[in-house]
All heavy atoms as atom14 arrays in JSON, in Angstrom:
{
  "sequence": "VAACEDGASALEQLAEKQPDIAFLDIRMPGISGIQVARALGELSP",
  "atom14_mask": [
    [1, 1, 1, 1, 1, 1, 1, 0, 0, 0, 0, 0, 0, 0],
    [1, 1, 1, 1, 1, 0, 0, 0, 0, 0, 0, 0, 0, 0],
    [1, 1, 1, 1, 1, 0, 0, 0, 0, 0, 0, 0, 0, 0],
    [1, 1, 1, 1, 1, 1, 0, 0, 0, 0, 0, 0, 0, 0],
    [1, 1, 1, 1, 1, 1, 1, 1, 1, 0, 0, 0, 0, 0],
    [1, 1, 1, 1, 1, 1, 1, 1, 0, 0, 0, 0, 0, 0],
    [1, 1, 1, 1, 0, 0, 0, 0, 0, 0, 0, 0, 0, 0],
    [1, 1, 1, 1, 1, 0, 0, 0, 0, 0, 0, 0, 0, 0],
    [1, 1, 1, 1, 1, 1, 0, 0, 0, 0, 0, 0, 0, 0],
    [1, 1, 1, 1, 1, 0, 0, 0, 0, 0, 0, 0, 0, 0],
    [1, 1, 1, 1, 1, 1, 1, 1, 0, 0, 0, 0, 0, 0],
    [1, 1, 1, 1, 1, 1, 1, 1, 1, 0, 0, 0, 0, 0],
    [1, 1, 1, 1, 1, 1, 1, 1, 1, 0, 0, 0, 0, 0],
    [1, 1, 1, 1, 1, 1, 1, 1, 0, 0, 0, 0, 0, 0],
    [1, 1, 1, 1, 1, 0, 0, 0, 0, 0, 0, 0, 0, 0],
    [1, 1, 1, 1, 1, 1, 1, 1, 1, 0, 0, 0, 0, 0],
    [1, 1, 1, 1, 1, 1, 1, 1, 1, 0, 0, 0, 0, 0],
    [1, 1, 1, 1, 1, 1, 1, 1, 1, 0, 0, 0, 0, 0],
    [1, 1, 1, 1, 1, 1, 1, 0, 0, 0, 0, 0, 0, 0],
    [1, 1, 1, 1, 1, 1, 1, 1, 0, 0, 0, 0, 0, 0],
    [1, 1, 1, 1, 1, 1, 1, 1, 0, 0, 0, 0, 0, 0],
    [1, 1, 1, 1, 1, 0, 0, 0, 0, 0, 0, 0, 0, 0],
    [1, 1, 1, 1, 1, 1, 1, 1, 1, 1, 1, 0, 0, 0],
    [1, 1, 1, 1, 1, 1, 1, 1, 0, 0, 0, 0, 0, 0],
    [1, 1, 1, 1, 1, 1, 1, 1, 0, 0, 0, 0, 0, 0],
    [1, 1, 1, 1, 1, 1, 1, 1, 0, 0, 0, 0, 0, 0],
    [1, 1, 1, 1, 1, 1, 1, 1, 1, 1, 1, 0, 0, 0],
    [1, 1, 1, 1, 1, 1, 1, 1, 0, 0, 0, 0, 0, 0],
    [1, 1, 1, 1, 1, 1, 1, 0, 0, 0, 0, 0, 0, 0],
    [1, 1, 1, 1, 0, 0, 0, 0, 0, 0, 0, 0, 0, 0],
    [1, 1, 1, 1, 1, 1, 1, 1, 0, 0, 0, 0, 0, 0],
    [1, 1, 1, 1, 1, 1, 0, 0, 0, 0, 0, 0, 0, 0],
    [1, 1, 1, 1, 0, 0, 0, 0, 0, 0, 0, 0, 0, 0],
    [1, 1, 1, 1, 1, 1, 1, 1, 0, 0, 0, 0, 0, 0],
    [1, 1, 1, 1, 1, 1, 1, 1, 1, 0, 0, 0, 0, 0],
    [1, 1, 1, 1, 1, 1, 1, 0, 0, 0, 0, 0, 0, 0],
    [1, 1, 1, 1, 1, 0, 0, 0, 0, 0, 0, 0, 0, 0],
    [1, 1, 1, 1, 1, 1, 1, 1, 1, 1, 1, 0, 0, 0],
    [1, 1, 1, 1, 1, 0, 0, 0, 0, 0, 0, 0, 0, 0],
    [1, 1, 1, 1, 1, 1, 1, 1, 0, 0, 0, 0, 0, 0],
    [1, 1, 1, 1, 0, 0, 0, 0, 0, 0, 0, 0, 0, 0],
    [1, 1, 1, 1, 1, 1, 1, 1, 1, 0, 0, 0, 0, 0],
    [1, 1, 1, 1, 1, 1, 1, 1, 0, 0, 0, 0, 0, 0],
    [1, 1, 1, 1, 1, 1, 0, 0, 0, 0, 0, 0, 0, 0],
    [1, 1, 1, 1, 1, 1, 1, 0, 0, 0, 0, 0, 0, 0]
  ],
  "atom14_positions": [
    [[-52.11, -44.97, 33.68], [-52.9, -46.1, 33.2], [-53.05, -46.1, 31.69], [-53.45, -47.11, 31.1], [-54.29, -46.13, 33.87], [-54.14, -46.37, 35.37], [-55.07, -44.84, 33.62], [0.0, 0.0, 0.0], [0.0, 0.0, 0.0], [0.0, 0.0, 0.0], [0.0, 0.0, 0.0], [0.0, 0.0, 0.0], [0.0, 0.0, 0.0], [0.0, 0.0, 0.0]],
    [[-52.75, -44.97, 31.04], [-52.83, -44.91, 29.58], [-52.02, -43.72, 29.09], [-52.06, -42.64, 29.69], [-54.28, -44.78, 29.1], [0.0, 0.0, 0.0], [0.0, 0.0, 0.0], [0.0, 0.0, 0.0], [0.0, 0.0, 0.0], [0.0, 0.0, 0.0], [0.0, 0.0, 0.0], [0.0, 0.0, 0.0], [0.0, 0.0, 0.0], [0.0, 0.0, 0.0]],
    [[-51.27, -43.94, 28.0], [-50.54, -42.86, 27.33], [-50.96, -42.9, 25.87], [-50.53, -43.76, 25.11], [-49.03, -43.06, 27.48], [0.0, 0.0, 0.0], [0.0, 0.0, 0.0], [0.0, 0.0, 0.0], [0.0, 0.0, 0.0], [0.0, 0.0, 0.0], [0.0, 0.0, 0.0], [0.0, 0.0, 0.0], [0.0, 0.0, 0.0], [0.0, 0.0, 0.0]],
    [[-51.83, -41.97, 25.49], [-52.52, -42.02, 24.19], [-51.89, -41.05, 23.2], [-51.46, -39.96, 23.56], [-53.99, -41.67, 24.37], [-54.82, -42.68, 25.64], [0.0, 0.0, 0.0], [0.0, 0.0, 0.0], [0.0, 0.0, 0.0], [0.0, 0.0, 0.0], [0.0, 0.0, 0.0], [0.0, 0.0, 0.0], [0.0, 0.0, 0.0], [0.0, 0.0, 0.0]],
    [[-51.9, -41.45, 21.93], [-51.3, -40.63, 20.89], [-52.31, -39.77, 20.16], [-51.93, -38.98, 19.29], [-50.56, -41.51, 19.89], [-51.46, -42.48, 19.14], [-50.67, -43.38, 18.19], [-49.43, -43.26, 18.18], [-51.31, -44.16, 17.46], [0.0, 0.0, 0.0], [0.0, 0.0, 0.0], [0.0, 0.0, 0.0], [0.0, 0.0, 0.0], [0.0, 0.0, 0.0]],
    [[-53.59, -39.92, 20.48], [-54.59, -39.08, 19.83], [-55.84, -38.99, 20.7], [-55.99, -39.72, 21.69], [-54.95, -39.61, 18.43], [-55.39, -41.06, 18.43], [-56.19, -41.44, 19.3], [-54.93, -41.83, 17.56], [0.0, 0.0, 0.0], [0.0, 0.0, 0.0], [0.0, 0.0, 0.0], [0.0, 0.0, 0.0], [0.0, 0.0, 0.0], [0.0, 0.0, 0.0]],
    [[-56.75, -38.09, 20.31], [-57.95, -37.88, 21.09], [-58.92, -39.04, 21.07], [-59.61, -39.31, 22.06], [0.0, 0.0, 0.0], [0.0, 0.0, 0.0], [0.0, 0.0, 0.0], [0.0, 0.0, 0.0], [0.0, 0.0, 0.0], [0.0, 0.0, 0.0], [0.0, 0.0, 0.0], [0.0, 0.0, 0.0], [0.0, 0.0, 0.0], [0.0, 0.0, 0.0]],
    [[-58.99, -39.75, 19.94], [-59.92, -40.87, 19.83], [-59.57, -41.98, 20.83], [-60.45, -42.5, 21.54], [-59.92, -41.43, 18.41], [0.0, 0.0, 0.0], [0.0, 0.0, 0.0], [0.0, 0.0, 0.0], [0.0, 0.0, 0.0], [0.0, 0.0, 0.0], [0.0, 0.0, 0.0], [0.0, 0.0, 0.0], [0.0, 0.0, 0.0], [0.0, 0.0, 0.0]],
    [[-58.29, -42.33, 20.91], [-57.9, -43.37, 21.87], [-58.04, -42.85, 23.3], [-58.35, -43.62, 24.22], [-56.47, -43.83, 21.59], [-55.55, -42.76, 21.65], [0.0, 0.0, 0.0], [0.0, 0.0, 0.0], [0.0, 0.0, 0.0], [0.0, 0.0, 0.0], [0.0, 0.0, 0.0], [0.0, 0.0, 0.0], [0.0, 0.0, 0.0], [0.0, 0.0, 0.0]],
    [[-57.84, -41.55, 23.51], [-58.04, -40.98, 24.84], [-59.48, -41.14, 25.3], [-59.75, -41.48, 26.46], [-57.63, -39.5, 24.85], [0.0, 0.0, 0.0], [0.0, 0.0, 0.0], [0.0, 0.0, 0.0], [0.0, 0.0, 0.0], [0.0, 0.0, 0.0], [0.0, 0.0, 0.0], [0.0, 0.0, 0.0], [0.0, 0.0, 0.0], [0.0, 0.0, 0.0]],
    [[-60.43, -40.9, 24.4], [-61.84, -41.08, 24.76], [-62.14, -42.51, 25.16], [-62.84, -42.77, 26.14], [-62.72, -40.66, 23.57], [-62.8, -39.17, 23.26], [-63.53, -38.95, 21.94], [-63.49, -38.41, 24.38], [0.0, 0.0, 0.0], [0.0, 0.0, 0.0], [0.0, 0.0, 0.0], [0.0, 0.0, 0.0], [0.0, 0.0, 0.0], [0.0, 0.0, 0.0]],
    [[-61.6, -43.47, 24.41], [-61.83, -44.87, 24.72], [-61.24, -45.23, 26.08], [-61.87, -45.91, 26.9], [-61.21, -45.75, 23.63], [-61.88, -45.62, 22.27], [-61.16, -46.4, 21.2], [-60.11, -47.03, 21.51], [-61.63, -46.42, 20.06], [0.0, 0.0, 0.0], [0.0, 0.0, 0.0], [0.0, 0.0, 0.0], [0.0, 0.0, 0.0], [0.0, 0.0, 0.0]],
    [[-60.01, -44.78, 26.34], [-59.34, -45.11, 27.59], [-59.97, -44.41, 28.79], [-60.02, -44.96, 29.88], [-57.85, -44.75, 27.49], [-57.06, -45.64, 26.54], [-57.07, -47.09, 26.97], [-56.8, -47.41, 28.13], [-57.41, -47.98, 26.05], [0.0, 0.0, 0.0], [0.0, 0.0, 0.0], [0.0, 0.0, 0.0], [0.0, 0.0, 0.0], [0.0, 0.0, 0.0]],
    [[-60.45, -43.19, 28.59], [-61.14, -42.49, 29.67], [-62.39, -43.23, 30.09], [-62.66, -43.39, 31.29], [-61.5, -41.07, 29.23], [-60.36, -40.05, 29.25], [-60.74, -38.81, 28.45], [-60.01, -39.66, 30.69], [0.0, 0.0, 0.0], [0.0, 0.0, 0.0], [0.0, 0.0, 0.0], [0.0, 0.0, 0.0], [0.0, 0.0, 0.0], [0.0, 0.0, 0.0]],
    [[-63.15, -43.7, 29.11], [-64.37, -44.45, 29.43], [-64.05, -45.76, 30.14], [-64.77, -46.17, 31.05], [-65.15, -44.72, 28.14], [0.0, 0.0, 0.0], [0.0, 0.0, 0.0], [0.0, 0.0, 0.0], [0.0, 0.0, 0.0], [0.0, 0.0, 0.0], [0.0, 0.0, 0.0], [0.0, 0.0, 0.0], [0.0, 0.0, 0.0], [0.0, 0.0, 0.0]],
    [[-62.95, -46.4, 29.75], [-62.59, -47.7, 30.34], [-61.89, -47.56, 31.69], [-62.23, -48.25, 32.65], [-61.69, -48.47, 29.38], [-61.23, -49.81, 29.92], [-60.28, -50.54, 28.98], [-60.2, -50.14, 27.79], [-59.62, -51.5, 29.44], [0.0, 0.0, 0.0], [0.0, 0.0, 0.0], [0.0, 0.0, 0.0], [0.0, 0.0, 0.0], [0.0, 0.0, 0.0]],
    [[-60.92, -46.65, 31.77], [-60.07, -46.57, 32.96], [-60.61, -45.66, 34.06], [-60.26, -45.83, 35.23], [-58.67, -46.08, 32.56], [-58.01, -46.87, 31.44], [-57.62, -48.25, 31.88], [-56.79, -48.93, 30.79], [-56.45, -50.33, 31.16], [0.0, 0.0, 0.0], [0.0, 0.0, 0.0], [0.0, 0.0, 0.0], [0.0, 0.0, 0.0], [0.0, 0.0, 0.0]],
    [[-61.41, -44.65, 33.69], [-61.95, -43.7, 34.67], [-60.84, -43.11, 35.56], [-60.89, -43.2, 36.78], [-63.0, -44.38, 35.54], [-64.19, -44.92, 34.78], [-65.14, -43.82, 34.33], [-65.64, -43.06, 35.14], [-65.38, -43.75, 33.04], [0.0, 0.0, 0.0], [0.0, 0.0, 0.0], [0.0, 0.0, 0.0], [0.0, 0.0, 0.0], [0.0, 0.0, 0.0]],
    [[-59.8, -42.51, 34.97], [-58.67, -42.02, 35.78], [-59.06, -40.81, 36.63], [-60.04, -40.12, 36.36], [-57.64, -41.64, 34.72], [-58.47, -41.24, 33.54], [-59.63, -42.2, 33.55], [0.0, 0.0, 0.0], [0.0, 0.0, 0.0], [0.0, 0.0, 0.0], [0.0, 0.0, 0.0], [0.0, 0.0, 0.0], [0.0, 0.0, 0.0], [0.0, 0.0, 0.0]],
    [[-58.24, -40.56, 37.64], [-58.46, -39.39, 38.49], [-58.04, -38.11, 37.77], [-58.62, -37.05, 38.01], [-57.65, -39.53, 39.78], [-58.04, -40.77, 40.56], [-59.12, -40.77, 41.15], [-57.25, -41.75, 40.54], [0.0, 0.0, 0.0], [0.0, 0.0, 0.0], [0.0, 0.0, 0.0], [0.0, 0.0, 0.0], [0.0, 0.0, 0.0], [0.0, 0.0, 0.0]],
    [[-57.01, -38.21, 36.91], [-56.42, -37.04, 36.25], [-56.22, -37.34, 34.78], [-55.85, -38.46, 34.41], [-55.06, -36.68, 36.88], [-55.18, -36.49, 38.39], [-54.46, -35.43, 36.23], [-53.86, -36.58, 39.13], [0.0, 0.0, 0.0], [0.0, 0.0, 0.0], [0.0, 0.0, 0.0], [0.0, 0.0, 0.0], [0.0, 0.0, 0.0], [0.0, 0.0, 0.0]],
    [[-56.45, -36.35, 33.93], [-56.16, -36.46, 32.5], [-55.29, -35.29, 32.08], [-55.69, -34.13, 32.23], [-57.45, -36.48, 31.68], [0.0, 0.0, 0.0], [0.0, 0.0, 0.0], [0.0, 0.0, 0.0], [0.0, 0.0, 0.0], [0.0, 0.0, 0.0], [0.0, 0.0, 0.0], [0.0, 0.0, 0.0], [0.0, 0.0, 0.0], [0.0, 0.0, 0.0]],
    [[-54.08, -35.58, 31.59], [-53.21, -34.57, 31.02], [-53.48, -34.54, 29.52], [-53.14, -35.49, 28.8], [-51.74, -34.91, 31.29], [-51.35, -34.89, 32.73], [-51.48, -36.03, 33.53], [-50.87, -33.72, 33.32], [-51.12, -36.0, 34.87], [-50.5, -33.69, 34.66], [-50.64, -34.83, 35.44], [0.0, 0.0, 0.0], [0.0, 0.0, 0.0], [0.0, 0.0, 0.0]],
    [[-54.11, -33.47, 29.03], [-54.6, -33.42, 27.66], [-53.89, -32.35, 26.85], [-53.95, -31.16, 27.18], [-56.11, -33.13, 27.64], [-57.0, -34.09, 28.43], [-58.45, -33.59, 28.39], [-56.9, -35.5, 27.88], [0.0, 0.0, 0.0], [0.0, 0.0, 0.0], [0.0, 0.0, 0.0], [0.0, 0.0, 0.0], [0.0, 0.0, 0.0], [0.0, 0.0, 0.0]],
    [[-53.23, -32.76, 25.78], [-52.66, -31.8, 24.84], [-53.8, -31.09, 24.14], [-54.74, -31.73, 23.64], [-51.77, -32.54, 23.84], [-51.09, -31.6, 22.84], [-51.05, -30.39, 23.12], [-50.63, -32.08, 21.8], [0.0, 0.0, 0.0], [0.0, 0.0, 0.0], [0.0, 0.0, 0.0], [0.0, 0.0, 0.0], [0.0, 0.0, 0.0], [0.0, 0.0, 0.0]],
    [[-53.77, -29.77, 24.11], [-54.85, -29.03, 23.47], [-54.92, -29.31, 21.98], [-55.98, -29.59, 21.42], [-54.68, -27.51, 23.69], [-54.95, -27.15, 25.14], [-55.63, -26.72, 22.79], [-54.86, -25.68, 25.42], [0.0, 0.0, 0.0], [0.0, 0.0, 0.0], [0.0, 0.0, 0.0], [0.0, 0.0, 0.0], [0.0, 0.0, 0.0], [0.0, 0.0, 0.0]],
    [[-53.76, -29.25, 21.3], [-53.72, -29.37, 19.85], [-53.32, -30.76, 19.44], [-52.16, -31.13, 19.49], [-52.71, -28.37, 19.28], [-52.86, -26.95, 19.76], [-53.99, -26.23, 19.07], [-53.92, -24.79, 19.31], [-54.83, -23.93, 18.87], [-55.86, -24.36, 18.19], [-54.71, -22.64, 19.13], [0.0, 0.0, 0.0], [0.0, 0.0, 0.0], [0.0, 0.0, 0.0]],
    [[-54.3, -31.57, 19.05], [-54.03, -32.89, 18.5], [-54.81, -33.02, 17.2], [-55.91, -32.48, 17.08], [-54.44, -34.0, 19.47], [-53.58, -34.11, 20.7], [-54.0, -35.54, 21.74], [-55.58, -35.01, 22.44], [0.0, 0.0, 0.0], [0.0, 0.0, 0.0], [0.0, 0.0, 0.0], [0.0, 0.0, 0.0], [0.0, 0.0, 0.0], [0.0, 0.0, 0.0]],
    [[-54.28, -33.73, 16.21], [-55.03, -33.91, 14.97], [-56.3, -34.71, 15.21], [-56.33, -35.6, 16.05], [-54.04, -34.68, 14.07], [-53.07, -35.31, 15.01], [-52.96, -34.38, 16.17], [0.0, 0.0, 0.0], [0.0, 0.0, 0.0], [0.0, 0.0, 0.0], [0.0, 0.0, 0.0], [0.0, 0.0, 0.0], [0.0, 0.0, 0.0], [0.0, 0.0, 0.0]],
    [[-57.35, -34.38, 14.47], [-58.62, -35.07, 14.67], [-59.33, -34.52, 15.89], [-59.79, -33.38, 15.92], [0.0, 0.0, 0.0], [0.0, 0.0, 0.0], [0.0, 0.0, 0.0], [0.0, 0.0, 0.0], [0.0, 0.0, 0.0], [0.0, 0.0, 0.0], [0.0, 0.0, 0.0], [0.0, 0.0, 0.0], [0.0, 0.0, 0.0], [0.0, 0.0, 0.0]],
    [[-59.4, -35.32, 16.95], [-60.09, -34.94, 18.18], [-59.09, -34.23, 19.1], [-58.12, -34.83, 19.54], [-60.7, -36.16, 18.86], [-61.7, -36.85, 17.93], [-61.38, -35.78, 20.17], [-62.23, -38.16, 18.46], [0.0, 0.0, 0.0], [0.0, 0.0, 0.0], [0.0, 0.0, 0.0], [0.0, 0.0, 0.0], [0.0, 0.0, 0.0], [0.0, 0.0, 0.0]],
    [[-59.32, -32.98, 19.4], [-58.39, -32.19, 20.21], [-58.6, -32.45, 21.7], [-59.6, -33.04, 22.12], [-58.58, -30.7, 19.92], [-59.81, -30.26, 20.47], [0.0, 0.0, 0.0], [0.0, 0.0, 0.0], [0.0, 0.0, 0.0], [0.0, 0.0, 0.0], [0.0, 0.0, 0.0], [0.0, 0.0, 0.0], [0.0, 0.0, 0.0], [0.0, 0.0, 0.0]],
    [[-57.65, -31.96, 22.5], [-57.79, -32.07, 23.94], [-59.0, -31.32, 24.46], [-59.63, -31.73, 25.44], [0.0, 0.0, 0.0], [0.0, 0.0, 0.0], [0.0, 0.0, 0.0], [0.0, 0.0, 0.0], [0.0, 0.0, 0.0], [0.0, 0.0, 0.0], [0.0, 0.0, 0.0], [0.0, 0.0, 0.0], [0.0, 0.0, 0.0], [0.0, 0.0, 0.0]],
    [[-59.33, -30.21, 23.82], [-60.52, -29.45, 24.22], [-61.78, -30.28, 23.99], [-62.68, -30.33, 24.84], [-60.6, -28.12, 23.43], [-59.45, -27.21, 23.84], [-61.94, -27.42, 23.67], [-59.34, -25.96, 23.01], [0.0, 0.0, 0.0], [0.0, 0.0, 0.0], [0.0, 0.0, 0.0], [0.0, 0.0, 0.0], [0.0, 0.0, 0.0], [0.0, 0.0, 0.0]],
    [[-61.85, -30.97, 22.86], [-63.01, -31.81, 22.57], [-63.09, -32.99, 23.53], [-64.18, -33.38, 23.96], [-62.95, -32.29, 21.12], [-63.14, -31.16, 20.11], [-62.84, -31.62, 18.69], [-61.83, -32.27, 18.43], [-63.7, -31.27, 17.77], [0.0, 0.0, 0.0], [0.0, 0.0, 0.0], [0.0, 0.0, 0.0], [0.0, 0.0, 0.0], [0.0, 0.0, 0.0]],
    [[-61.94, -33.56, 23.88], [-61.93, -34.65, 24.86], [-62.47, -34.14, 26.19], [-63.29, -34.8, 26.84], [-60.51, -35.21, 25.03], [-60.46, -36.21, 26.2], [-60.04, -35.9, 23.75], [0.0, 0.0, 0.0], [0.0, 0.0, 0.0], [0.0, 0.0, 0.0], [0.0, 0.0, 0.0], [0.0, 0.0, 0.0], [0.0, 0.0, 0.0], [0.0, 0.0, 0.0]],
    [[-62.04, -32.95, 26.61], [-62.5, -32.39, 27.88], [-64.01, -32.18, 27.89], [-64.67, -32.38, 28.91], [-61.78, -31.08, 28.17], [0.0, 0.0, 0.0], [0.0, 0.0, 0.0], [0.0, 0.0, 0.0], [0.0, 0.0, 0.0], [0.0, 0.0, 0.0], [0.0, 0.0, 0.0], [0.0, 0.0, 0.0], [0.0, 0.0, 0.0], [0.0, 0.0, 0.0]],
    [[-64.56, -31.8, 26.76], [-66.01, -31.59, 26.67], [-66.78, -32.9, 26.91], [-67.91, -32.88, 27.36], [-66.39, -31.03, 25.31], [-66.1, -29.54, 25.14], [-66.74, -29.03, 23.85], [-66.45, -27.64, 23.64], [-67.15, -26.64, 24.2], [-68.15, -26.92, 25.01], [-66.83, -25.39, 23.94], [0.0, 0.0, 0.0], [0.0, 0.0, 0.0], [0.0, 0.0, 0.0]],
    [[-66.16, -34.02, 26.57], [-66.84, -35.31, 26.7], [-66.71, -35.92, 28.09], [-67.34, -36.94, 28.38], [-66.3, -36.28, 25.66], [0.0, 0.0, 0.0], [0.0, 0.0, 0.0], [0.0, 0.0, 0.0], [0.0, 0.0, 0.0], [0.0, 0.0, 0.0], [0.0, 0.0, 0.0], [0.0, 0.0, 0.0], [0.0, 0.0, 0.0], [0.0, 0.0, 0.0]],
    [[-65.9, -35.33, 28.95], [-65.63, -35.94, 30.25], [-66.88, -36.07, 31.12], [-66.99, -37.01, 31.9], [-64.57, -35.14, 31.01], [-63.12, -35.39, 30.59], [-62.19, -34.46, 31.35], [-62.73, -36.83, 30.84], [0.0, 0.0, 0.0], [0.0, 0.0, 0.0], [0.0, 0.0, 0.0], [0.0, 0.0, 0.0], [0.0, 0.0, 0.0], [0.0, 0.0, 0.0]],
    [[-67.79, -35.12, 31.0], [-68.99, -35.19, 31.82], [-69.77, -36.47, 31.61], [-70.42, -36.98, 32.53], [0.0, 0.0, 0.0], [0.0, 0.0, 0.0], [0.0, 0.0, 0.0], [0.0, 0.0, 0.0], [0.0, 0.0, 0.0], [0.0, 0.0, 0.0], [0.0, 0.0, 0.0], [0.0, 0.0, 0.0], [0.0, 0.0, 0.0], [0.0, 0.0, 0.0]],
    [[-69.71, -37.02, 30.39], [-70.41, -38.26, 30.07], [-69.52, -39.48, 30.3], [-69.98, -40.51, 30.78], [-70.88, -38.25, 28.61], [-71.91, -37.19, 28.29], [-73.26, -37.47, 28.93], [-73.53, -38.65, 29.24], [-74.03, -36.52, 29.14], [0.0, 0.0, 0.0], [0.0, 0.0, 0.0], [0.0, 0.0, 0.0], [0.0, 0.0, 0.0], [0.0, 0.0, 0.0]],
    [[-68.24, -39.37, 29.93], [-67.36, -40.54, 29.93], [-66.7, -40.82, 31.27], [-66.57, -41.97, 31.68], [-66.28, -40.37, 28.86], [-66.74, -40.27, 27.41], [-65.54, -40.03, 26.5], [-67.47, -41.54, 26.99], [0.0, 0.0, 0.0], [0.0, 0.0, 0.0], [0.0, 0.0, 0.0], [0.0, 0.0, 0.0], [0.0, 0.0, 0.0], [0.0, 0.0, 0.0]],
    [[-66.25, -39.77, 31.94], [-65.48, -39.94, 33.18], [-65.64, -38.69, 34.04], [-64.73, -37.87, 34.16], [-64.0, -40.18, 32.85], [-63.25, -40.49, 33.99], [0.0, 0.0, 0.0], [0.0, 0.0, 0.0], [0.0, 0.0, 0.0], [0.0, 0.0, 0.0], [0.0, 0.0, 0.0], [0.0, 0.0, 0.0], [0.0, 0.0, 0.0], [0.0, 0.0, 0.0]],
    [[-66.8, -38.53, 34.66], [-67.14, -37.25, 35.31], [-66.26, -36.85, 36.49], [-66.22, -35.67, 36.83], [-68.6, -37.46, 35.74], [-68.8, -38.93, 35.76], [-67.92, -39.49, 34.72], [0.0, 0.0, 0.0], [0.0, 0.0, 0.0], [0.0, 0.0, 0.0], [0.0, 0.0, 0.0], [0.0, 0.0, 0.0], [0.0, 0.0, 0.0], [0.0, 0.0, 0.0]]
  ]
}
């Protein structure tokens, strides 16, 4: 449902799409995959 090039767009798409699975690259410039995972409890539990 979304193929994102950075963590910021991943956060937006997670909140909108509420996917079952997120494949997250750990090392991304700006917002990393680890930081995105920390936000899942609020955005897409």
